[in-house]
C-alpha atoms as a PDB file:
ATOM      1  CA  UNK A   1       5.940  -0.717  19.137  1.00  0.00           C
ATOM      2  CA  UNK A   2       7.711   0.376  15.965  1.00  0.00           C
ATOM      3  CA  UNK A   3      10.850  -1.333  14.768  1.00  0.00           C
ATOM      4  CA  UNK A   4      14.192   0.443  14.427  1.00  0.00           C
ATOM      5  CA  UNK A   5      14.709  -0.447  10.776  1.00  0.00           C
ATOM      6  CA  UNK A   6      16.976  -3.404  11.567  1.00  0.00           C
ATOM      7  CA  UNK A   7      14.738  -6.225  12.736  1.00  0.00           C
ATOM      8  CA  UNK A   8      11.147  -7.097  13.503  1.00  0.00           C
ATOM      9  CA  UNK A   9       9.860  -6.497  16.992  1.00  0.00           C
ATOM     10  CA  UNK A  10       7.389  -9.262  17.767  1.00  0.00           C
ATOM     11  CA  UNK A  11       5.160  -9.158  20.812  1.00  0.00           C
ATOM     12  CA  UNK A  12       2.446 -11.563  21.966  1.00  0.00           C
ATOM     13  CA  UNK A  13      -1.018 -10.573  20.812  1.00  0.00           C
ATOM     14  CA  UNK A  14      -3.542  -9.675  23.476  1.00  0.00           C
ATOM     15  CA  UNK A  15      -6.360 -10.920  21.265  1.00  0.00           C
ATOM     16  CA  UNK A  16      -7.225 -14.105  19.412  1.00  0.00           C
ATOM     17  CA  UNK A  17      -6.459 -12.873  15.884  1.00  0.00           C
ATOM     18  CA  UNK A  18      -3.952 -15.113  14.144  1.00  0.00           C
ATOM     19  CA  UNK A  19      -2.659 -16.157  10.742  1.00  0.00           C
ATOM     20  CA  UNK A  20      -2.470 -19.835   9.743  1.00  0.00           C
ATOM     21  CA  UNK A  21       0.337 -21.913  11.199  1.00  0.00           C
ATOM     22  CA  UNK A  22       3.555 -21.931   9.172  1.00  0.00           C
ATOM     23  CA  UNK A  23       2.814 -18.577   7.531  1.00  0.00           C
ATOM     24  CA  UNK A  24       4.367 -15.162   8.153  1.00  0.00           C
ATOM     25  CA  UNK A  25       2.724 -12.117   6.562  1.00  0.00           C
ATOM     26  CA  UNK A  26       4.504  -8.842   5.842  1.00  0.00           C
ATOM     27  CA  UNK A  27       1.968  -6.061   5.160  1.00  0.00           C
ATOM     28  CA  UNK A  28       3.726  -3.073   3.556  1.00  0.00           C
ATOM     29  CA  UNK A  29       2.280   0.432   3.856  1.00  0.00           C
ATOM     30  CA  UNK A  30       1.893   3.201   1.274  1.00  0.00           C
ATOM     31  CA  UNK A  31       5.083   3.515  -0.839  1.00  0.00           C
ATOM     32  CA  UNK A  32       4.061   6.633  -2.819  1.00  0.00           C
ATOM     33  CA  UNK A  33       6.868   6.679  -5.353  1.00  0.00           C
ATOM     34  CA  UNK A  34       9.701   6.083  -2.868  1.00  0.00           C
ATOM     35  CA  UNK A  35      11.694   3.338  -4.583  1.00  0.00           C
ATOM     36  CA  UNK A  36      14.545   3.787  -2.118  1.00  0.00           C
ATOM     37  CA  UNK A  37      12.311   2.960   0.846  1.00  0.00           C
ATOM     38  CA  UNK A  38      10.664   0.053  -0.962  1.00  0.00           C
ATOM     39  CA  UNK A  39      14.041  -1.514  -1.685  1.00  0.00           C
ATOM     40  CA  UNK A  40      15.159  -0.922   1.890  1.00  0.00           C
ATOM     41  CA  UNK A  41      11.976  -2.556   3.150  1.00  0.00           C
ATOM     42  CA  UNK A  42      12.514  -5.629   1.013  1.00  0.00           C
ATOM     43  CA  UNK A  43      16.077  -5.956   2.293  1.00  0.00           C
ATOM     44  CA  UNK A  44      14.747  -5.772   5.842  1.00  0.00           C
ATOM     45  CA  UNK A  45      12.164  -8.472   5.088  1.00  0.00           C
ATOM     46  CA  UNK A  46      14.785 -10.811   3.657  1.00  0.00           C
ATOM     47  CA  UNK A  47      17.097 -10.201   6.626  1.00  0.00           C
ATOM     48  CA  UNK A  48      14.204 -11.044   8.925  1.00  0.00           C
ATOM     49  CA  UNK A  49      13.567 -14.256   6.989  1.00  0.00           C
ATOM     50  CA  UNK A  50      17.243 -15.219   7.214  1.00  0.00           C
ATOM     51  CA  UNK A  51      17.225 -14.612  10.973  1.00  0.00           C
ATOM     52  CA  UNK A  52      13.858 -16.287  11.578  1.00  0.00           C
ATOM     53  CA  UNK A  53      13.136 -18.823   8.822  1.00  0.00           C
ATOM     54  CA  UNK A  54       9.520 -19.765   8.255  1.00  0.00           C
ATOM     55  CA  UNK A  55       7.741 -22.369   6.165  1.00  0.00           C
ATOM     56  CA  UNK A  56       5.910 -19.808   4.010  1.00  0.00           C
ATOM     57  CA  UNK A  57       6.267 -16.026   3.708  1.00  0.00           C
ATOM     58  CA  UNK A  58       3.862 -13.617   2.023  1.00  0.00           C
ATOM     59  CA  UNK A  59       4.257  -9.876   1.406  1.00  0.00           C
ATOM     60  CA  UNK A  60       1.048  -7.901   0.932  1.00  0.00           C
ATOM     61  CA  UNK A  61       1.466  -4.412  -0.495  1.00  0.00           C
ATOM     62  CA  UNK A  62      -1.449  -2.276   0.687  1.00  0.00           C
ATOM     63  CA  UNK A  63      -1.676   0.057  -2.316  1.00  0.00           C
ATOM     64  CA  UNK A  64      -0.713   3.639  -3.185  1.00  0.00           C
ATOM     65  CA  UNK A  65       2.502   2.658  -4.944  1.00  0.00           C
ATOM     66  CA  UNK A  66       2.376   5.834  -7.043  1.00  0.00           C
ATOM     67  CA  UNK A  67       2.086   9.639  -6.704  1.00  0.00           C
ATOM     68  CA  UNK A  68       3.780  12.207  -4.447  1.00  0.00           C
ATOM     69  CA  UNK A  69       7.274  10.672  -4.478  1.00  0.00           C
ATOM     70  CA  UNK A  70       9.670  10.887  -7.459  1.00  0.00           C
ATOM     71  CA  UNK A  71       9.837   7.284  -8.675  1.00  0.00           C
ATOM     72  CA  UNK A  72       6.323   5.983  -9.348  1.00  0.00           C
ATOM     73  CA  UNK A  73       7.280   4.373 -12.676  1.00  0.00           C
ATOM     74  CA  UNK A  74      10.344   2.731 -11.134  1.00  0.00           C
ATOM     75  CA  UNK A  75       8.304   1.468  -8.171  1.00  0.00           C
ATOM     76  CA  UNK A  76       5.871  -0.318 -10.492  1.00  0.00           C
ATOM     77  CA  UNK A  77       8.811  -1.679 -12.502  1.00  0.00           C
ATOM     78  CA  UNK A  78      10.395  -2.985  -9.329  1.00  0.00           C
ATOM     79  CA  UNK A  79       7.220  -4.672  -8.109  1.00  0.00           C
ATOM     80  CA  UNK A  80       6.778  -6.340 -11.495  1.00  0.00           C
ATOM     81  CA  UNK A  81      10.332  -7.666 -11.659  1.00  0.00           C
ATOM     82  CA  UNK A  82      11.282  -8.336  -8.015  1.00  0.00           C
ATOM     83  CA  UNK A  83      12.723 -11.800  -7.534  1.00  0.00           C
ATOM     84  CA  UNK A  84      10.652 -14.183  -5.450  1.00  0.00           C
ATOM     85  CA  UNK A  85      13.410 -15.913  -3.440  1.00  0.00           C
ATOM     86  CA  UNK A  86      10.685 -17.825  -1.608  1.00  0.00           C
ATOM     87  CA  UNK A  87       8.645 -14.703  -0.844  1.00  0.00           C
ATOM     88  CA  UNK A  88       5.161 -14.619  -2.330  1.00  0.00           C
ATOM     89  CA  UNK A  89       3.652 -11.226  -3.130  1.00  0.00           C
ATOM     90  CA  UNK A  90       0.105  -9.883  -3.391  1.00  0.00           C
ATOM     91  CA  UNK A  91      -0.785  -6.335  -4.421  1.00  0.00           C
ATOM     92  CA  UNK A  92      -3.816  -4.280  -3.382  1.00  0.00           C
ATOM     93  CA  UNK A  93      -5.274  -1.248  -5.145  1.00  0.00           C
ATOM     94  CA  UNK A  94      -5.135   2.151  -3.488  1.00  0.00           C
ATOM     95  CA  UNK A  95      -7.128   5.263  -4.266  1.00  0.00           C
ATOM     96  CA  UNK A  96      -4.100   6.709  -6.095  1.00  0.00           C
ATOM     97  CA  UNK A  97      -3.960   3.799  -8.549  1.00  0.00           C
ATOM     98  CA  UNK A  98      -7.730   4.143  -8.980  1.00  0.00           C
ATOM     99  CA  UNK A  99      -7.329   7.839  -9.791  1.00  0.00           C
ATOM    100  CA  UNK A 100      -4.569   7.217 -12.316  1.00  0.00           C
ATOM    101  CA  UNK A 101      -6.734   4.660 -14.121  1.00  0.00           C
ATOM    102  CA  UNK A 102      -9.620   7.129 -14.077  1.00  0.00           C
ATOM    103  CA  UNK A 103      -7.407   9.836 -15.603  1.00  0.00           C
ATOM    104  CA  UNK A 104      -6.607   7.499 -18.499  1.00  0.00           C
ATOM    105  CA  UNK A 105     -10.345   7.515 -19.298  1.00  0.00           C
ATOM    106  CA  UNK A 106     -11.412  10.949 -17.996  1.00  0.00           C
ATOM    107  CA  UNK A 107      -8.703  13.616 -18.388  1.00  0.00           C
ATOM    108  CA  UNK A 108     -10.990  16.185 -16.760  1.00  0.00           C
ATOM    109  CA  UNK A 109     -10.131  14.786 -13.320  1.00  0.00           C
ATOM    110  CA  UNK A 110      -6.532  15.952 -13.681  1.00  0.00           C
ATOM    111  CA  UNK A 111      -6.914  18.747 -11.119  1.00  0.00           C
ATOM    112  CA  UNK A 112      -8.044  16.234  -8.503  1.00  0.00           C
ATOM    113  CA  UNK A 113      -5.185  13.900  -9.385  1.00  0.00           C
ATOM    114  CA  UNK A 114      -2.762  16.805  -9.290  1.00  0.00           C
ATOM    115  CA  UNK A 115      -3.743  17.483  -5.655  1.00  0.00           C
ATOM    116  CA  UNK A 116      -2.890  13.857  -4.868  1.00  0.00           C
ATOM    117  CA  UNK A 117       0.587  14.097  -6.417  1.00  0.00           C
ATOM    118  CA  UNK A 118      -0.311  12.960  -9.908  1.00  0.00           C
ATOM    119  CA  UNK A 119       2.066  15.350 -11.661  1.00  0.00           C
ATOM    120  CA  UNK A 120       4.999  13.571 -10.038  1.00  0.00           C
ATOM    121  CA  UNK A 121       3.722  10.309 -11.493  1.00  0.00           C
ATOM    122  CA  UNK A 122       3.355  11.806 -14.960  1.00  0.00           C
ATOM    123  CA  UNK A 123       6.893  13.171 -14.805  1.00  0.00           C
ATOM    124  CA  UNK A 124       8.183   9.749 -13.751  1.00  0.00           C
ATOM    125  CA  UNK A 125       6.738   8.349 -17.003  1.00  0.00           C
ATOM    126  CA  UNK A 126       8.350  11.121 -19.051  1.00  0.00           C
ATOM    127  CA  UNK A 127       5.186  13.171 -19.622  1.00  0.00           C
ATOM    128  CA  UNK A 128       5.657  16.941 -20.032  1.00  0.00           C
ATOM    129  CA  UNK A 129       3.477  18.612 -17.385  1.00  0.00           C
ATOM    130  CA  UNK A 130       4.196  22.265 -18.142  1.00  0.00           C
ATOM    131  CA  UNK A 131       0.779  22.876 -19.717  1.00  0.00           C
ATOM    132  CA  UNK A 132      -0.950  21.085 -16.847  1.00  0.00           C
ATOM    133  CA  UNK A 133       0.768  23.464 -14.439  1.00  0.00           C
ATOM    134  CA  UNK A 134      -0.867  26.307 -16.375  1.00  0.00           C
ATOM    135  CA  UNK A 135      -4.282  24.654 -16.091  1.00  0.00           C
ATOM    136  CA  UNK A 136      -4.382  23.318 -19.661  1.00  0.00           C
ATOM    137  CA  UNK A 137      -3.346  20.310 -21.725  1.00  0.00           C
ATOM    138  CA  UNK A 138      -5.256  17.561 -19.872  1.00  0.00           C
ATOM    139  CA  UNK A 139      -6.152  15.591 -23.007  1.00  0.00           C
ATOM    140  CA  UNK A 140      -2.632  15.894 -24.395  1.00  0.00           C
ATOM    141  CA  UNK A 141      -1.222  14.629 -21.080  1.00  0.00           C
ATOM    142  CA  UNK A 142      -3.641  11.698 -21.091  1.00  0.00           C
ATOM    143  CA  UNK A 143      -2.578  10.722 -24.587  1.00  0.00           C
ATOM    144  CA  UNK A 144       1.097  11.099 -23.676  1.00  0.00           C
ATOM    145  CA  UNK A 145       0.654   8.883 -20.620  1.00  0.00           C
ATOM    146  CA  UNK A 146      -1.146   6.253 -22.677  1.00  0.00           C
ATOM    147  CA  UNK A 147       1.801   6.192 -25.095  1.00  0.00           C
ATOM    148  CA  UNK A 148       4.390   6.112 -22.317  1.00  0.00           C
ATOM    149  CA  UNK A 149       2.711   3.597 -20.019  1.00  0.00           C
ATOM    150  CA  UNK A 150       4.084   0.089 -20.650  1.00  0.00           C
ATOM    151  CA  UNK A 151       1.415  -2.520 -21.256  1.00  0.00           C
ATOM    152  CA  UNK A 152       2.560  -4.551 -18.282  1.00  0.00           C
ATOM    153  CA  UNK A 153       2.215  -1.496 -16.032  1.00  0.00           C
ATOM    154  CA  UNK A 154      -1.356  -0.937 -17.200  1.00  0.00           C
ATOM    155  CA  UNK A 155      -2.217  -4.601 -16.669  1.00  0.00           C
ATOM    156  CA  UNK A 156      -0.676  -4.478 -13.187  1.00  0.00           C
ATOM    157  CA  UNK A 157      -2.764  -1.439 -12.241  1.00  0.00           C
ATOM    158  CA  UNK A 158      -5.957  -2.894 -13.687  1.00  0.00           C
ATOM    159  CA  UNK A 159      -5.601  -6.245 -11.928  1.00  0.00           C
ATOM    160  CA  UNK A 160      -4.831  -5.075  -8.393  1.00  0.00           C
ATOM    161  CA  UNK A 161      -6.945  -6.696  -5.682  1.00  0.00           C
ATOM    162  CA  UNK A 162      -9.166  -4.700  -3.329  1.00  0.00           C
ATOM    163  CA  UNK A 163      -9.520  -7.077  -0.365  1.00  0.00           C
ATOM    164  CA  UNK A 164      -7.574 -10.070   0.903  1.00  0.00           C
ATOM    165  CA  UNK A 165      -8.568 -12.266   3.862  1.00  0.00           C
ATOM    166  CA  UNK A 166      -6.043 -14.466   5.644  1.00  0.00           C
ATOM    167  CA  UNK A 167      -6.927 -16.180   8.885  1.00  0.00           C
ATOM    168  CA  UNK A 168      -8.432 -13.675  11.308  1.00  0.00           C
ATOM    169  CA  UNK A 169      -7.144 -10.680   9.323  1.00  0.00           C
ATOM    170  CA  UNK A 170      -8.359  -8.800   6.297  1.00  0.00           C
ATOM    171  CA  UNK A 171      -6.059  -6.579   4.264  1.00  0.00           C
ATOM    172  CA  UNK A 172      -7.390  -3.519   2.459  1.00  0.00           C
ATOM    173  CA  UNK A 173      -6.037  -0.150   1.402  1.00  0.00           C
ATOM    174  CA  UNK A 174      -8.206   2.375   3.268  1.00  0.00           C
ATOM    175  CA  UNK A 175     -10.553   0.442   5.529  1.00  0.00           C
ATOM    176  CA  UNK A 176     -14.083  -0.900   5.784  1.00  0.00           C
ATOM    177  CA  UNK A 177     -17.489   0.672   6.297  1.00  0.00           C
ATOM    178  CA  UNK A 178     -18.701  -0.143   9.805  1.00  0.00           C
ATOM    179  CA  UNK A 179     -21.733  -2.408  10.020  1.00  0.00           C
ATOM    180  CA  UNK A 180     -21.350  -3.780   6.487  1.00  0.00           C
ATOM    181  CA  UNK A 181     -20.349  -7.461   5.967  1.00  0.00           C
ATOM    182  CA  UNK A 182     -17.070  -8.101   4.155  1.00  0.00           C
ATOM    183  CA  UNK A 183     -18.804  -9.505   1.088  1.00  0.00           C
ATOM    184  CA  UNK A 184     -20.892  -6.323   0.764  1.00  0.00           C
ATOM    185  CA  UNK A 185     -18.135  -3.738   1.118  1.00  0.00           C
ATOM    186  CA  UNK A 186     -17.835  -1.402  -1.872  1.00  0.00           C
ATOM    187  CA  UNK A 187     -14.635  -0.438  -3.712  1.00  0.00           C
ATOM    188  CA  UNK A 188     -15.333   3.193  -2.784  1.00  0.00           C
ATOM    189  CA  UNK A 189     -15.189   2.366   0.934  1.00  0.00           C
ATOM    190  CA  UNK A 190     -12.183   0.067   0.645  1.00  0.00           C
ATOM    191  CA  UNK A 191     -10.185   2.654  -1.338  1.00  0.00           C
ATOM    192  CA  UNK A 192     -11.291   5.968   0.170  1.00  0.00           C
ATOM    193  CA  UNK A 193     -12.863   5.704   3.642  1.00  0.00           C
ATOM    194  CA  UNK A 194     -11.231   7.636   6.487  1.00  0.00           C
ATOM    195  CA  UNK A 195     -12.907   9.050   9.621  1.00  0.00           C
ATOM    196  CA  UNK A 196     -15.917   6.735   9.683  1.00  0.00           C
ATOM    197  CA  UNK A 197     -13.567   3.757   9.703  1.00  0.00           C
ATOM    198  CA  UNK A 198     -10.783   5.196  11.829  1.00  0.00           C
ATOM    199  CA  UNK A 199     -13.176   6.389  14.560  1.00  0.00           C
ATOM    200  CA  UNK A 200     -15.057   3.088  14.818  1.00  0.00           C
ATOM    201  CA  UNK A 201     -14.110   0.998  17.847  1.00  0.00           C
ATOM    202  CA  UNK A 202     -16.377  -1.965  17.125  1.00  0.00           C
ATOM    203  CA  UNK A 203     -15.878  -5.316  15.429  1.00  0.00           C
ATOM    204  CA  UNK A 204     -15.364  -5.621  11.661  1.00  0.00           C
ATOM    205  CA  UNK A 205     -15.479  -9.425  11.761  1.00  0.00           C
ATOM    206  CA  UNK A 206     -11.735  -9.515  11.066  1.00  0.00           C
ATOM    207  CA  UNK A 207      -8.821  -7.411  12.276  1.00  0.00           C
ATOM    208  CA  UNK A 208      -8.283  -4.912   9.446  1.00  0.00           C
ATOM    209  CA  UNK A 209      -4.720  -4.216   8.286  1.00  0.00           C
ATOM    210  CA  UNK A 210      -4.655  -1.000   6.274  1.00  0.00           C
ATOM    211  CA  UNK A 211      -2.789   2.085   5.093  1.00  0.00           C
ATOM    212  CA  UNK A 212      -4.233   5.244   3.468  1.00  0.00           C
ATOM    213  CA  UNK A 213      -4.555   7.503   6.531  1.00  0.00           C
ATOM    214  CA  UNK A 214      -1.107   8.595   7.771  1.00  0.00           C
ATOM    215  CA  UNK A 215      -0.225   8.096  11.431  1.00  0.00           C
ATOM    216  CA  UNK A 216       2.853   9.197  13.371  1.00  0.00           C
ATOM    217  CA  UNK A 217       3.518   5.644  14.528  1.00  0.00           C
ATOM    218  CA  UNK A 218       2.072   2.314  13.386  1.00  0.00           C
ATOM    219  CA  UNK A 219      -1.090   1.718  15.411  1.00  0.00           C
ATOM    220  CA  UNK A 220      -2.288  -1.592  16.759  1.00  0.00           C
ATOM    221  CA  UNK A 221      -5.869  -1.507  18.009  1.00  0.00           C
ATOM    222  CA  UNK A 222      -8.228  -4.376  18.860  1.00  0.00           C
ATOM    223  CA  UNK A 223     -10.050  -4.061  15.533  1.00  0.00           C
ATOM    224  CA  UNK A 224      -7.359  -2.779  13.139  1.00  0.00           C
ATOM    225  CA  UNK A 225      -3.647  -2.253  12.443  1.00  0.00           C
ATOM    226  CA  UNK A 226      -2.577   0.982  10.698  1.00  0.00           C
ATOM    227  CA  UNK A 227       0.775   1.101   8.869  1.00  0.00           C
ATOM    228  CA  UNK A 228       0.800   4.277   6.739  1.00  0.00           C
ATOM    229  CA  UNK A 229       3.531   6.365   8.373  1.00  0.00           C
ATOM    230  CA  UNK A 230       3.700   8.949   5.552  1.00  0.00           C
ATOM    231  CA  UNK A 231       6.753   7.414   3.895  1.00  0.00           C
ATOM    232  CA  UNK A 232       7.058   9.915   1.049  1.00  0.00           C
ATOM    233  CA  UNK A 233       7.534  12.755   3.580  1.00  0.00           C
ATOM    234  CA  UNK A 234       8.956  11.061   6.671  1.00  0.00           C
ATOM    235  CA  UNK A 235      11.242   8.438   5.143  1.00  0.00           C
ATOM    236  CA  UNK A 236       9.483   5.896   7.382  1.00  0.00           C
ATOM    237  CA  UNK A 237       7.877   3.075   5.409  1.00  0.00           C
ATOM    238  CA  UNK A 238       6.260   0.644   7.848  1.00  0.00           C
ATOM    239  CA  UNK A 239       5.517  -3.055   7.481  1.00  0.00           C
ATOM    240  CA  UNK A 240       3.354  -5.073   9.867  1.00  0.00           C
ATOM    241  CA  UNK A 241       4.745  -8.547  10.586  1.00  0.00           C
ATOM    242  CA  UNK A 242       2.071 -11.120  11.466  1.00  0.00           C
ATOM    243  CA  UNK A 243       2.799 -14.674  12.548  1.00  0.00           C
ATOM    244  CA  UNK A 244       0.597 -16.906  14.657  1.00  0.00           C
ATOM    245  CA  UNK A 245      -0.928 -14.541  17.230  1.00  0.00           C
ATOM    246  CA  UNK A 246       2.073 -12.184  17.255  1.00  0.00           C
ATOM    247  CA  UNK A 247       2.281  -8.718  15.680  1.00  0.00           C
ATOM    248  CA  UNK A 248       5.447  -6.722  15.065  1.00  0.00           C
ATOM    249  CA  UNK A 249       6.664  -3.910  12.829  1.00  0.00           C
ATOM    250  CA  UNK A 250       9.568  -3.151  10.526  1.00  0.00           C
ATOM    251  CA  UNK A 251      10.144   0.531   9.842  1.00  0.00           C
ATOM    252  CA  UNK A 252      12.721   2.125   7.598  1.00  0.00           C
ATOM    253  CA  UNK A 253      14.969   4.869   8.992  1.00  0.00           C
ATOM    254  CA  UNK A 254      14.757   8.515   8.052  1.00  0.00           C
END
């Protein structure tokens, strides 16, 4: 069941999937330029840790930090500078970060990126998008973004992970290709897959925790946990909370 934005709701797991003893994992869904919701989520996580202390806490951000929402640049800044306070952080690559990196090399993909909310990201970095809105100026926008993009932001985007395995769970942005072992999954599948993954009811070898495909409510199925609740539109940024064999959710308010 989804949380009410104030505390984690933790229920016993009906399956054997578990994280190592002494560890609590917070898996944060797609932020998409909503700095306000990201900050609210982190406050909720720290309140949860104060209420229920644990030996070790890890936040995993499932990708798509940028695009669509108004504050992509500020979101990356925040993730780079957030204080640890005992909370470890790992960051996964989403298809939106992949597309932004591709635009820096291939400005001709700008129309595709624009459909994904790329203009909002460019504006957040101070890039003039008026020519892009007229269907021109792709190379000029690429050069402007290269000048505006701080080196630490570029390094952050380039060094994002694609897959993380902890205990009986694996964490990935979009999902996995059914029937393919974890060590043979491709970046294309892990960043972009939708229906083939979402419709598969079989075993992936691990319980997959993912974002990418928006759902009305966070979904907990035997083979996967889905936490993308369309934050940039709904105001509901969801975090899965995993500890032992229990699974709960934190969700921001509207």
